PDB file of all heavy atoms in Angstrom:
ATOM      1  N   ARG A   1     -37.328 115.488 153.643  1.00  0.00           N
ATOM      2  CA  ARG A   1     -36.930 116.067 152.348  1.00  0.00           C
ATOM      3  C   ARG A   1     -35.530 115.614 151.966  1.00  0.00           C
ATOM      4  O   ARG A   1     -35.250 115.317 150.797  1.00  0.00           O
ATOM      5  CB  ARG A   1     -37.015 117.597 152.413  1.00  0.00           C
ATOM      6  CG  ARG A   1     -38.432 118.139 152.386  1.00  0.00           C
ATOM      7  CD  ARG A   1     -38.412 119.632 152.064  1.00  0.00           C
ATOM      8  NE  ARG A   1     -37.718 120.390 153.097  1.00  0.00           N
ATOM      9  CZ  ARG A   1     -38.326 120.923 154.161  1.00  0.00           C
ATOM     10  NH1 ARG A   1     -39.640 120.724 154.338  1.00  0.00           N
ATOM     11  NH2 ARG A   1     -37.651 121.611 155.060  1.00  0.00           N
ATOM     12  N   ALA A   2     -34.617 115.570 152.960  1.00  0.00           N
ATOM     13  CA  ALA A   2     -33.245 115.148 152.685  1.00  0.00           C
ATOM     14  C   ALA A   2     -33.215 113.697 152.198  1.00  0.00           C
ATOM     15  O   ALA A   2     -32.507 113.354 151.244  1.00  0.00           O
ATOM     16  CB  ALA A   2     -32.385 115.306 153.935  1.00  0.00           C
ATOM     17  N   ARG A   3     -34.011 112.857 152.872  1.00  0.00           N
ATOM     18  CA  ARG A   3     -34.069 111.461 152.448  1.00  0.00           C
ATOM     19  C   ARG A   3     -34.662 111.338 151.046  1.00  0.00           C
ATOM     20  O   ARG A   3     -34.246 110.505 150.240  1.00  0.00           O
ATOM     21  CB  ARG A   3     -34.896 110.665 153.442  1.00  0.00           C
ATOM     22  CG  ARG A   3     -34.189 110.434 154.784  1.00  0.00           C
ATOM     23  CD  ARG A   3     -35.102 109.696 155.749  1.00  0.00           C
ATOM     24  NE  ARG A   3     -34.430 109.434 157.016  1.00  0.00           N
ATOM     25  CZ  ARG A   3     -35.022 108.929 158.084  1.00  0.00           C
ATOM     26  NH1 ARG A   3     -36.329 108.637 158.033  1.00  0.00           N
ATOM     27  NH2 ARG A   3     -34.332 108.715 159.195  1.00  0.00           N
ATOM     28  N   GLY A   4     -35.657 112.176 150.778  1.00  0.00           N
ATOM     29  CA  GLY A   4     -36.260 112.157 149.450  1.00  0.00           C
ATOM     30  C   GLY A   4     -35.265 112.543 148.369  1.00  0.00           C
ATOM     31  O   GLY A   4     -35.197 111.926 147.312  1.00  0.00           O
ATOM     32  N   ARG A   5     -34.455 113.587 148.687  1.00  0.00           N
ATOM     33  CA  ARG A   5     -33.441 113.998 147.711  1.00  0.00           C
ATOM     34  C   ARG A   5     -32.408 112.911 147.508  1.00  0.00           C
ATOM     35  O   ARG A   5     -31.980 112.630 146.378  1.00  0.00           O
ATOM     36  CB  ARG A   5     -32.778 115.302 148.161  1.00  0.00           C
ATOM     37  CG  ARG A   5     -33.648 116.538 148.002  1.00  0.00           C
ATOM     38  CD  ARG A   5     -32.809 117.793 148.135  1.00  0.00           C
ATOM     39  NE  ARG A   5     -32.217 117.915 149.477  1.00  0.00           N
ATOM     40  CZ  ARG A   5     -32.812 118.540 150.490  1.00  0.00           C
ATOM     41  NH1 ARG A   5     -34.029 119.065 150.319  1.00  0.00           N
ATOM     42  NH2 ARG A   5     -32.221 118.631 151.663  1.00  0.00           N
ATOM     43  N   ALA A   6     -31.965 112.289 148.617  1.00  0.00           N
ATOM     44  CA  ALA A   6     -30.974 111.218 148.515  1.00  0.00           C
ATOM     45  C   ALA A   6     -31.526 110.042 147.712  1.00  0.00           C
ATOM     46  O   ALA A   6     -30.845 109.454 146.867  1.00  0.00           O
ATOM     47  CB  ALA A   6     -30.561 110.752 149.909  1.00  0.00           C
ATOM     48  N   GLY A   7     -32.800 109.711 148.002  1.00  0.00           N
ATOM     49  CA  GLY A   7     -33.411 108.618 147.259  1.00  0.00           C
ATOM     50  C   GLY A   7     -33.539 108.943 145.783  1.00  0.00           C
ATOM     51  O   GLY A   7     -33.307 108.097 144.924  1.00  0.00           O
ATOM     52  N   GLY A   8     -33.897 110.208 145.489  1.00  0.00           N
ATOM     53  CA  GLY A   8     -34.006 110.626 144.093  1.00  0.00           C
ATOM     54  C   GLY A   8     -32.677 110.570 143.383  1.00  0.00           C
ATOM     55  O   GLY A   8     -32.586 110.141 142.231  1.00  0.00           O
ATOM     56  N   THR A   9     -31.614 110.987 144.082  1.00  0.00           N
ATOM     57  CA  THR A   9     -30.272 110.934 143.489  1.00  0.00           C
ATOM     58  C   THR A   9     -29.863 109.492 143.215  1.00  0.00           C
ATOM     59  O   THR A   9     -29.314 109.171 142.156  1.00  0.00           O
ATOM     60  CB  THR A   9     -29.249 111.606 144.426  1.00  0.00           C
ATOM     61  OG1 THR A   9     -29.640 112.955 144.640  1.00  0.00           O
ATOM     62  CG2 THR A   9     -27.861 111.548 143.817  1.00  0.00           C
ATOM     63  N   GLY A  10     -30.134 108.614 144.213  1.00  0.00           N
ATOM     64  CA  GLY A  10     -29.788 107.206 144.023  1.00  0.00           C
ATOM     65  C   GLY A  10     -30.524 106.596 142.850  1.00  0.00           C
ATOM     66  O   GLY A  10     -29.938 105.856 142.051  1.00  0.00           O
ATOM     67  N   ARG A  11     -31.832 106.908 142.727  1.00  0.00           N
ATOM     68  CA  ARG A  11     -32.603 106.376 141.601  1.00  0.00           C
ATOM     69  C   ARG A  11     -32.094 106.929 140.281  1.00  0.00           C
ATOM     70  O   ARG A  11     -32.054 106.224 139.273  1.00  0.00           O
ATOM     71  CB  ARG A  11     -34.084 106.706 141.791  1.00  0.00           C
ATOM     72  CG  ARG A  11     -34.769 105.885 142.891  1.00  0.00           C
ATOM     73  CD  ARG A  11     -36.283 106.070 142.848  1.00  0.00           C
ATOM     74  NE  ARG A  11     -36.659 107.444 143.157  1.00  0.00           N
ATOM     75  CZ  ARG A  11     -36.881 107.891 144.394  1.00  0.00           C
ATOM     76  NH1 ARG A  11     -36.749 107.073 145.432  1.00  0.00           N
ATOM     77  NH2 ARG A  11     -37.237 109.146 144.606  1.00  0.00           N
ATOM     78  N   ALA A  12     -31.682 108.208 140.292  1.00  0.00           N
ATOM     79  CA  ALA A  12     -31.149 108.815 139.068  1.00  0.00           C
ATOM     80  C   ALA A  12     -29.855 108.134 138.630  1.00  0.00           C
ATOM     81  O   ALA A  12     -29.654 107.833 137.446  1.00  0.00           O
ATOM     82  CB  ALA A  12     -30.912 110.309 139.280  1.00  0.00           C
ATOM     83  N   TRP A  13     -28.965 107.871 139.618  1.00  0.00           N
ATOM     84  CA  TRP A  13     -27.709 107.192 139.302  1.00  0.00           C
ATOM     85  C   TRP A  13     -27.987 105.780 138.782  1.00  0.00           C
ATOM     86  O   TRP A  13     -27.367 105.343 137.799  1.00  0.00           O
ATOM     87  CB  TRP A  13     -26.815 107.127 140.540  1.00  0.00           C
ATOM     88  CG  TRP A  13     -26.016 108.359 140.763  1.00  0.00           C
ATOM     89  CD1 TRP A  13     -26.272 109.378 141.622  1.00  0.00           C
ATOM     90  CD2 TRP A  13     -24.811 108.723 140.083  1.00  0.00           C
ATOM     91  NE1 TRP A  13     -25.312 110.354 141.530  1.00  0.00           N
ATOM     92  CE2 TRP A  13     -24.406 109.977 140.604  1.00  0.00           C
ATOM     93  CE3 TRP A  13     -24.049 108.120 139.096  1.00  0.00           C
ATOM     94  CZ2 TRP A  13     -23.263 110.636 140.164  1.00  0.00           C
ATOM     95  CZ3 TRP A  13     -22.894 108.770 138.657  1.00  0.00           C
ATOM     96  CH2 TRP A  13     -22.517 110.010 139.186  1.00  0.00           C
ATOM     97  N   ALA A  14     -28.900 105.062 139.453  1.00  0.00           N
ATOM     98  CA  ALA A  14     -29.213 103.702 139.018  1.00  0.00           C
ATOM     99  C   ALA A  14     -29.808 103.708 137.617  1.00  0.00           C
ATOM    100  O   ALA A  14     -29.464 102.876 136.764  1.00  0.00           O
ATOM    101  CB  ALA A  14     -30.183 103.059 140.002  1.00  0.00           C
ATOM    102  N   GLY A  15     -30.712 104.666 137.370  1.00  0.00           N
ATOM    103  CA  GLY A  15     -31.298 104.767 136.045  1.00  0.00           C
ATOM    104  C   GLY A  15     -30.272 105.100 134.986  1.00  0.00           C
ATOM    105  O   GLY A  15     -30.280 104.540 133.885  1.00  0.00           O
ATOM    106  N   GLY A  16     -29.353 106.020 135.313  1.00  0.00           N
ATOM    107  CA  GLY A  16     -28.302 106.387 134.372  1.00  0.00           C
ATOM    108  C   GLY A  16     -27.390 105.221 134.065  1.00  0.00           C
ATOM    109  O   GLY A  16     -27.011 104.993 132.904  1.00  0.00           O
ATOM    110  N   ALA A  17     -27.020 104.458 135.100  1.00  0.00           N
ATOM    111  CA  ALA A  17     -26.182 103.279 134.892  1.00  0.00           C
ATOM    112  C   ALA A  17     -26.889 102.247 134.028  1.00  0.00           C
ATOM    113  O   ALA A  17     -26.286 101.639 133.131  1.00  0.00           O
ATOM    114  CB  ALA A  17     -25.794 102.673 136.238  1.00  0.00           C
ATOM    115  N   GLY A  18     -28.189 102.073 134.268  1.00  0.00           N
ATOM    116  CA  GLY A  18     -28.947 101.121 133.466  1.00  0.00           C
ATOM    117  C   GLY A  18     -29.012 101.527 132.008  1.00  0.00           C
ATOM    118  O   GLY A  18     -28.865 100.682 131.110  1.00  0.00           O
ATOM    119  N   ARG A  19     -29.218 102.813 131.764  1.00  0.00           N
ATOM    120  CA  ARG A  19     -29.268 103.286 130.374  1.00  0.00           C
ATOM    121  C   ARG A  19     -27.902 103.139 129.697  1.00  0.00           C
ATOM    122  O   ARG A  19     -27.824 102.821 128.505  1.00  0.00           O
ATOM    123  CB  ARG A  19     -29.725 104.739 130.331  1.00  0.00           C
ATOM    124  CG  ARG A  19     -31.214 104.926 130.611  1.00  0.00           C
ATOM    125  CD  ARG A  19     -31.645 106.349 130.335  1.00  0.00           C
ATOM    126  NE  ARG A  19     -31.037 107.284 131.266  1.00  0.00           N
ATOM    127  CZ  ARG A  19     -31.564 107.644 132.424  1.00  0.00           C
ATOM    128  NH1 ARG A  19     -32.721 107.122 132.816  1.00  0.00           N
ATOM    129  NH2 ARG A  19     -30.962 108.516 133.212  1.00  0.00           N
ATOM    130  N   ALA A  20     -26.819 103.386 130.451  1.00  0.00           N
ATOM    131  CA  ALA A  20     -25.475 103.245 129.876  1.00  0.00           C
ATOM    132  C   ALA A  20     -25.212 101.801 129.467  1.00  0.00           C
ATOM    133  O   ALA A  20     -24.686 101.529 128.386  1.00  0.00           O
ATOM    134  CB  ALA A  20     -24.426 103.719 130.886  1.00  0.00           C
ATOM    135  N   VAL A  21     -25.594 100.863 130.344  1.00  0.00           N
ATOM    136  CA  VAL A  21     -25.403  99.450 130.021  1.00  0.00           C
ATOM    137  C   VAL A  21     -26.280  99.056 128.824  1.00  0.00           C
ATOM    138  O   VAL A  21     -25.827  98.356 127.911  1.00  0.00           O
ATOM    139  CB  VAL A  21     -25.731  98.566 131.245  1.00  0.00           C
ATOM    140  CG1 VAL A  21     -25.737  97.088 130.855  1.00  0.00           C
ATOM    141  CG2 VAL A  21     -24.728  98.814 132.363  1.00  0.00           C
ATOM    142  N   ALA A  22     -27.516  99.527 128.817  1.00  0.00           N
ATOM    143  CA  ALA A  22     -28.417  99.201 127.711  1.00  0.00           C
ATOM    144  C   ALA A  22     -27.899  99.735 126.382  1.00  0.00           C
ATOM    145  O   ALA A  22     -28.113  99.121 125.331  1.00  0.00           O
ATOM    146  CB  ALA A  22     -29.804  99.768 128.002  1.00  0.00           C
ATOM    147  N   SER A  23     -27.180 100.851 126.416  1.00  0.00           N
ATOM    148  CA  SER A  23     -26.668 101.454 125.176  1.00  0.00           C
ATOM    149  C   SER A  23     -25.636 100.563 124.490  1.00  0.00           C
ATOM    150  O   SER A  23     -25.402 100.685 123.291  1.00  0.00           O
ATOM    151  CB  SER A  23     -26.057 102.825 125.461  1.00  0.00           C
ATOM    152  OG  SER A  23     -24.849 102.701 126.201  1.00  0.00           O
ATOM    153  N   LEU A  24     -25.021  99.651 125.260  1.00  0.00           N
ATOM    154  CA  LEU A  24     -24.054  98.728 124.653  1.00  0.00           C
ATOM    155  C   LEU A  24     -24.726  97.790 123.658  1.00  0.00           C
ATOM    156  O   LEU A  24     -24.080  97.262 122.753  1.00  0.00           O
ATOM    157  CB  LEU A  24     -23.349  97.905 125.736  1.00  0.00           C
ATOM    158  CG  LEU A  24     -22.379  98.663 126.641  1.00  0.00           C
ATOM    159  CD1 LEU A  24     -21.926  97.781 127.790  1.00  0.00           C
ATOM    160  CD2 LEU A  24     -21.174  99.143 125.838  1.00  0.00           C
ATOM    161  N   GLY A  25     -26.012  97.586 123.815  1.00  0.00           N
ATOM    162  CA  GLY A  25     -26.742  96.711 122.907  1.00  0.00           C
ATOM    163  C   GLY A  25     -27.559  97.447 121.868  1.00  0.00           C
ATOM    164  O   GLY A  25     -28.424  96.851 121.228  1.00  0.00           O
ATOM    165  N   THR A  26     -27.271  98.737 121.694  1.00  0.00           N
ATOM    166  CA  THR A  26     -28.062  99.560 120.777  1.00  0.00           C
ATOM    167  C   THR A  26     -27.183 100.162 119.689  1.00  0.00           C
ATOM    168  O   THR A  26     -26.147 100.765 119.981  1.00  0.00           O
ATOM    169  CB  THR A  26     -28.759 100.699 121.544  1.00  0.00           C
ATOM    170  OG1 THR A  26     -29.548 100.147 122.602  1.00  0.00           O
ATOM    171  CG2 THR A  26     -29.646 101.513 120.608  1.00  0.00           C
ATOM    172  N   MET A  27     -27.591 100.000 118.448  1.00  0.00           N
ATOM    173  CA  MET A  27     -26.933 100.658 117.317  1.00  0.00           C
ATOM    174  C   MET A  27     -27.687 101.951 117.011  1.00  0.00           C
ATOM    175  O   MET A  27     -28.907 101.929 116.810  1.00  0.00           O
ATOM    176  CB  MET A  27     -26.932  99.755 116.084  1.00  0.00           C
ATOM    177  CG  MET A  27     -26.106  98.492 116.227  1.00  0.00           C
ATOM    178  SD  MET A  27     -24.326  98.802 116.280  1.00  0.00           S
ATOM    179  CE  MET A  27     -24.003  99.234 114.571  1.00  0.00           C
ATOM    180  N   GLN A  28     -26.962 103.059 116.992  1.00  0.00           N
ATOM    181  CA  GLN A  28     -27.587 104.343 116.710  1.00  0.00           C
ATOM    182  C   GLN A  28     -27.830 104.507 115.207  1.00  0.00           C
ATOM    183  O   GLN A  28     -27.028 104.038 114.384  1.00  0.00           O
ATOM    184  CB  GLN A  28     -26.691 105.483 117.208  1.00  0.00           C
ATOM    185  CG  GLN A  28     -26.404 105.437 118.691  1.00  0.00           C
ATOM    186  CD  GLN A  28     -27.641 105.658 119.524  1.00  0.00           C
ATOM    187  OE1 GLN A  28     -28.517 106.451 119.165  1.00  0.00           O
ATOM    188  NE2 GLN A  28     -27.732 104.946 120.640  1.00  0.00           N
ATOM    189  N   ARG A  29     -28.902 105.167 114.873  1.00  0.00           N
ATOM    190  CA  ARG A  29     -29.159 105.480 113.474  1.00  0.00           C
ATOM    191  C   ARG A  29     -28.290 106.649 113.035  1.00  0.00           C
ATOM    192  O   ARG A  29     -28.008 107.557 113.811  1.00  0.00           O
ATOM    193  CB  ARG A  29     -30.629 105.825 113.261  1.00  0.00           C
ATOM    194  CG  ARG A  29     -31.579 104.664 113.510  1.00  0.00           C
ATOM    195  CD  ARG A  29     -32.992 105.046 113.131  1.00  0.00           C
ATOM    196  NE  ARG A  29     -33.087 105.365 111.703  1.00  0.00           N
ATOM    197  CZ  ARG A  29     -34.210 105.764 111.109  1.00  0.00           C
ATOM    198  NH1 ARG A  29     -35.322 105.912 111.827  1.00  0.00           N
ATOM    199  NH2 ARG A  29     -34.221 106.037 109.827  1.00  0.00           N
ATOM    200  N   TYR A  30     -27.840 106.595 111.809  1.00  0.00           N
ATOM    201  CA  TYR A  30     -27.035 107.700 111.269  1.00  0.00           C
ATOM    202  C   TYR A  30     -27.575 108.072 109.904  1.00  0.00           C
ATOM    203  O   TYR A  30     -27.631 107.235 108.995  1.00  0.00           O
ATOM    204  CB  TYR A  30     -25.561 107.305 111.168  1.00  0.00           C
ATOM    205  CG  TYR A  30     -24.691 108.401 110.598  1.00  0.00           C
ATOM    206  CD1 TYR A  30     -24.351 109.506 111.373  1.00  0.00           C
ATOM    207  CD2 TYR A  30     -24.234 108.338 109.287  1.00  0.00           C
ATOM    208  CE1 TYR A  30     -23.571 110.524 110.855  1.00  0.00           C
ATOM    209  CE2 TYR A  30     -23.445 109.359 108.761  1.00  0.00           C
ATOM    210  CZ  TYR A  30     -23.125 110.443 109.549  1.00  0.00           C
ATOM    211  OH  TYR A  30     -22.346 111.460 109.038  1.00  0.00           O
ATOM    212  N   GLU A  31     -27.992 109.298 109.779  1.00  0.00           N
ATOM    213  CA  GLU A  31     -28.524 109.787 108.510  1.00  0.00           C
ATOM    214  C   GLU A  31     -27.396 110.460 107.727  1.00  0.00           C
ATOM    215  O   GLU A  31     -26.766 111.392 108.210  1.00  0.00           O
ATOM    216  CB  GLU A  31     -29.657 110.800 108.760  1.00  0.00           C
ATOM    217  CG  GLU A  31     -30.820 110.245 109.596  1.00  0.00           C
ATOM    218  CD  GLU A  31     -31.576 109.156 108.875  1.00  0.00           C
ATOM    219  OE1 GLU A  31     -31.514 109.102 107.629  1.00  0.00           O
ATOM    220  OE2 GLU A  31     -32.226 108.351 109.569  1.00  0.00           O
ATOM    221  N   GLY A  32     -27.166 109.977 106.558  1.00  0.00           N
ATOM    222  CA  GLY A  32     -26.124 110.588 105.745  1.00  0.00           C
ATOM    223  C   GLY A  32     -25.137 109.554 105.225  1.00  0.00           C
ATOM    224  O   GLY A  32     -25.244 108.351 105.499  1.00  0.00           O
ATOM    225  N   ARG A  33     -24.172 110.034 104.449  1.00  0.00           N
ATOM    226  CA  ARG A  33     -23.158 109.174 103.842  1.00  0.00           C
ATOM    227  C   ARG A  33     -21.871 109.299 104.654  1.00  0.00           C
ATOM    228  O   ARG A  33     -21.164 110.303 104.570  1.00  0.00           O
ATOM    229  CB  ARG A  33     -22.934 109.582 102.390  1.00  0.00           C
ATOM    230  CG  ARG A  33     -24.176 109.418 101.523  1.00  0.00           C
ATOM    231  CD  ARG A  33     -24.091 110.216 100.231  1.00  0.00           C
ATOM    232  NE  ARG A  33     -23.119 109.660  99.302  1.00  0.00           N
ATOM    233  CZ  ARG A  33     -22.020 110.285  98.905  1.00  0.00           C
ATOM    234  NH1 ARG A  33     -21.736 111.495  99.393  1.00  0.00           N
ATOM    235  NH2 ARG A  33     -21.200 109.736  98.046  1.00  0.00           N
ATOM    236  N   ARG A  34     -21.567 108.275 105.425  1.00  0.00           N
ATOM    237  CA  ARG A  34     -20.357 108.297 106.242  1.00  0.00           C
ATOM    238  C   ARG A  34     -19.147 107.755 105.488  1.00  0.00           C
ATOM    239  O   ARG A  34     -18.018 108.115 105.787  1.00  0.00           O
ATOM    240  CB  ARG A  34     -20.593 107.471 107.515  1.00  0.00           C
ATOM    241  CG  ARG A  34     -19.410 107.442 108.486  1.00  0.00           C
ATOM    242  CD  ARG A  34     -19.164 108.783 109.113  1.00  0.00           C
ATOM    243  NE  ARG A  34     -18.025 108.731 110.036  1.00  0.00           N
ATOM    244  CZ  ARG A  34     -17.569 109.777 110.717  1.00  0.00           C
ATOM    245  NH1 ARG A  34     -18.159 110.959 110.582  1.00  0.00           N
ATOM    246  NH2 ARG A  34     -16.545 109.656 111.515  1.00  0.00           N
ATOM    247  N   TRP A  35     -19.376 106.898 104.506  1.00  0.00           N
ATOM    248  CA  TRP A  35     -18.251 106.213 103.881  1.00  0.00           C
ATOM    249  C   TRP A  35     -17.237 107.124 103.205  1.00  0.00           C
ATOM    250  O   TRP A  35     -16.039 106.783 103.185  1.00  0.00           O
ATOM    251  CB  TRP A  35     -18.757 105.137 102.903  1.00  0.00           C
ATOM    252  CG  TRP A  35     -19.396 105.655 101.639  1.00  0.00           C
ATOM    253  CD1 TRP A  35     -20.707 105.830 101.388  1.00  0.00           C
ATOM    254  CD2 TRP A  35     -18.713 106.050 100.446  1.00  0.00           C
ATOM    255  NE1 TRP A  35     -20.908 106.318 100.123  1.00  0.00           N
ATOM    256  CE2 TRP A  35     -19.697 106.454  99.520  1.00  0.00           C
ATOM    257  CE3 TRP A  35     -17.374 106.102 100.062  1.00  0.00           C
ATOM    258  CZ2 TRP A  35     -19.375 106.909  98.241  1.00  0.00           C
ATOM    259  CZ3 TRP A  35     -17.041 106.557  98.788  1.00  0.00           C
ATOM    260  CH2 TRP A  35     -18.040 106.955  97.890  1.00  0.00           C
ATOM    261  N   PRO A  36     -17.615 108.297 102.617  1.00  0.00           N
ATOM    262  CA  PRO A  36     -16.560 109.119 102.016  1.00  0.00           C
ATOM    263  C   PRO A  36     -15.502 109.579 103.032  1.00  0.00           C
ATOM    264  O   PRO A  36     -14.301 109.521 102.754  1.00  0.00           O
ATOM    265  CB  PRO A  36     -17.336 110.309 101.436  1.00  0.00           C
ATOM    266  CG  PRO A  36     -18.709 109.783 101.178  1.00  0.00           C
ATOM    267  CD  PRO A  36     -18.962 108.854 102.317  1.00  0.00           C
ATOM    268  N   VAL A  37     -15.939 110.026 104.213  1.00  0.00           N
ATOM    269  CA  VAL A  37     -14.990 110.447 105.244  1.00  0.00           C
ATOM    270  C   VAL A  37     -14.187 109.245 105.734  1.00  0.00           C
ATOM    271  O   VAL A  37     -12.968 109.336 105.943  1.00  0.00           O
ATOM    272  CB  VAL A  37     -15.725 111.124 106.412  1.00  0.00           C
ATOM    273  CG1 VAL A  37     -14.786 111.364 107.585  1.00  0.00           C
ATOM    274  CG2 VAL A  37     -16.346 112.438 105.962  1.00  0.00           C
ATOM    275  N   ALA A  38     -14.855 108.098 105.921  1.00  0.00           N
ATOM    276  CA  ALA A  38     -14.155 106.898 106.376  1.00  0.00           C
ATOM    277  C   ALA A  38     -13.098 106.462 105.368  1.00  0.00           C
ATOM    278  O   ALA A  38     -11.989 106.066 105.747  1.00  0.00           O
ATOM    279  CB  ALA A  38     -15.160 105.765 106.616  1.00  0.00           C
ATOM    280  N   LEU A  39     -13.429 106.536 104.081  1.00  0.00           N
ATOM    281  CA  LEU A  39     -12.471 106.148 103.045  1.00  0.00           C
ATOM    282  C   LEU A  39     -11.288 107.113 102.998  1.00  0.00           C
ATOM    283  O   LEU A  39     -10.130 106.688 102.863  1.00  0.00           O
ATOM    284  CB  LEU A  39     -13.171 106.098 101.688  1.00  0.00           C
ATOM    285  CG  LEU A  39     -12.304 105.658 100.499  1.00  0.00           C
ATOM    286  CD1 LEU A  39     -11.766 104.246 100.736  1.00  0.00           C
ATOM    287  CD2 LEU A  39     -13.112 105.717  99.199  1.00  0.00           C
ATOM    288  N   GLN A  40     -11.573 108.403 103.110  1.00  0.00           N
ATOM    289  CA  GLN A  40     -10.479 109.380 103.140  1.00  0.00           C
ATOM    290  C   GLN A  40      -9.548 109.126 104.319  1.00  0.00           C
ATOM    291  O   GLN A  40      -8.319 109.166 104.183  1.00  0.00           O
ATOM    292  CB  GLN A  40     -11.054 110.797 103.228  1.00  0.00           C
ATOM    293  CG  GLN A  40     -11.764 111.265 101.981  1.00  0.00           C
ATOM    294  CD  GLN A  40     -12.500 112.575 102.185  1.00  0.00           C
ATOM    295  OE1 GLN A  40     -12.318 113.252 103.186  1.00  0.00           O
ATOM    296  NE2 GLN A  40     -13.349 112.934 101.226  1.00  0.00           N
ATOM    297  N   ALA A  41     -10.124 108.851 105.487  1.00  0.00           N
ATOM    298  CA  ALA A  41      -9.309 108.580 106.676  1.00  0.00           C
ATOM    299  C   ALA A  41      -8.463 107.330 106.485  1.00  0.00           C
ATOM    300  O   ALA A  41      -7.299 107.278 106.917  1.00  0.00           O
ATOM    301  CB  ALA A  41     -10.211 108.436 107.900  1.00  0.00           C
ATOM    302  N   ALA A  42      -9.030 106.306 105.832  1.00  0.00           N
ATOM    303  CA  ALA A  42      -8.301 105.065 105.605  1.00  0.00           C
ATOM    304  C   ALA A  42      -7.125 105.279 104.660  1.00  0.00           C
ATOM    305  O   ALA A  42      -6.010 104.786 104.905  1.00  0.00           O
ATOM    306  CB  ALA A  42      -9.247 104.004 105.048  1.00  0.00           C
ATOM    307  N   VAL A  43      -7.356 106.008 103.574  1.00  0.00           N
ATOM    308  CA  VAL A  43      -6.277 106.288 102.619  1.00  0.00           C
ATOM    309  C   VAL A  43      -5.182 107.125 103.278  1.00  0.00           C
ATOM    310  O   VAL A  43      -3.982 106.857 103.115  1.00  0.00           O
ATOM    311  CB  VAL A  43      -6.838 107.004 101.377  1.00  0.00           C
ATOM    312  CG1 VAL A  43      -5.704 107.496 100.481  1.00  0.00           C
ATOM    313  CG2 VAL A  43      -7.765 106.081 100.602  1.00  0.00           C
ATOM    314  N   ALA A  44      -5.590 108.138 104.033  1.00  0.00           N
ATOM    315  CA  ALA A  44      -4.622 109.007 104.699  1.00  0.00           C
ATOM    316  C   ALA A  44      -3.816 108.257 105.751  1.00  0.00           C
ATOM    317  O   ALA A  44      -2.693 108.645 106.075  1.00  0.00           O
ATOM    318  CB  ALA A  44      -5.343 110.190 105.342  1.00  0.00           C
TER     319      ALA A  44
END
């Protein structure tokens, strides 16, 4: 059981690292108008 837990933890860490690296190549969708806030921040 201990080995199983350790193996599960290792696989979880490896999977998490893989997803983090993969996220560098992914653009998230954003619903809504972001430009008004961006423009206000730029002017300010």
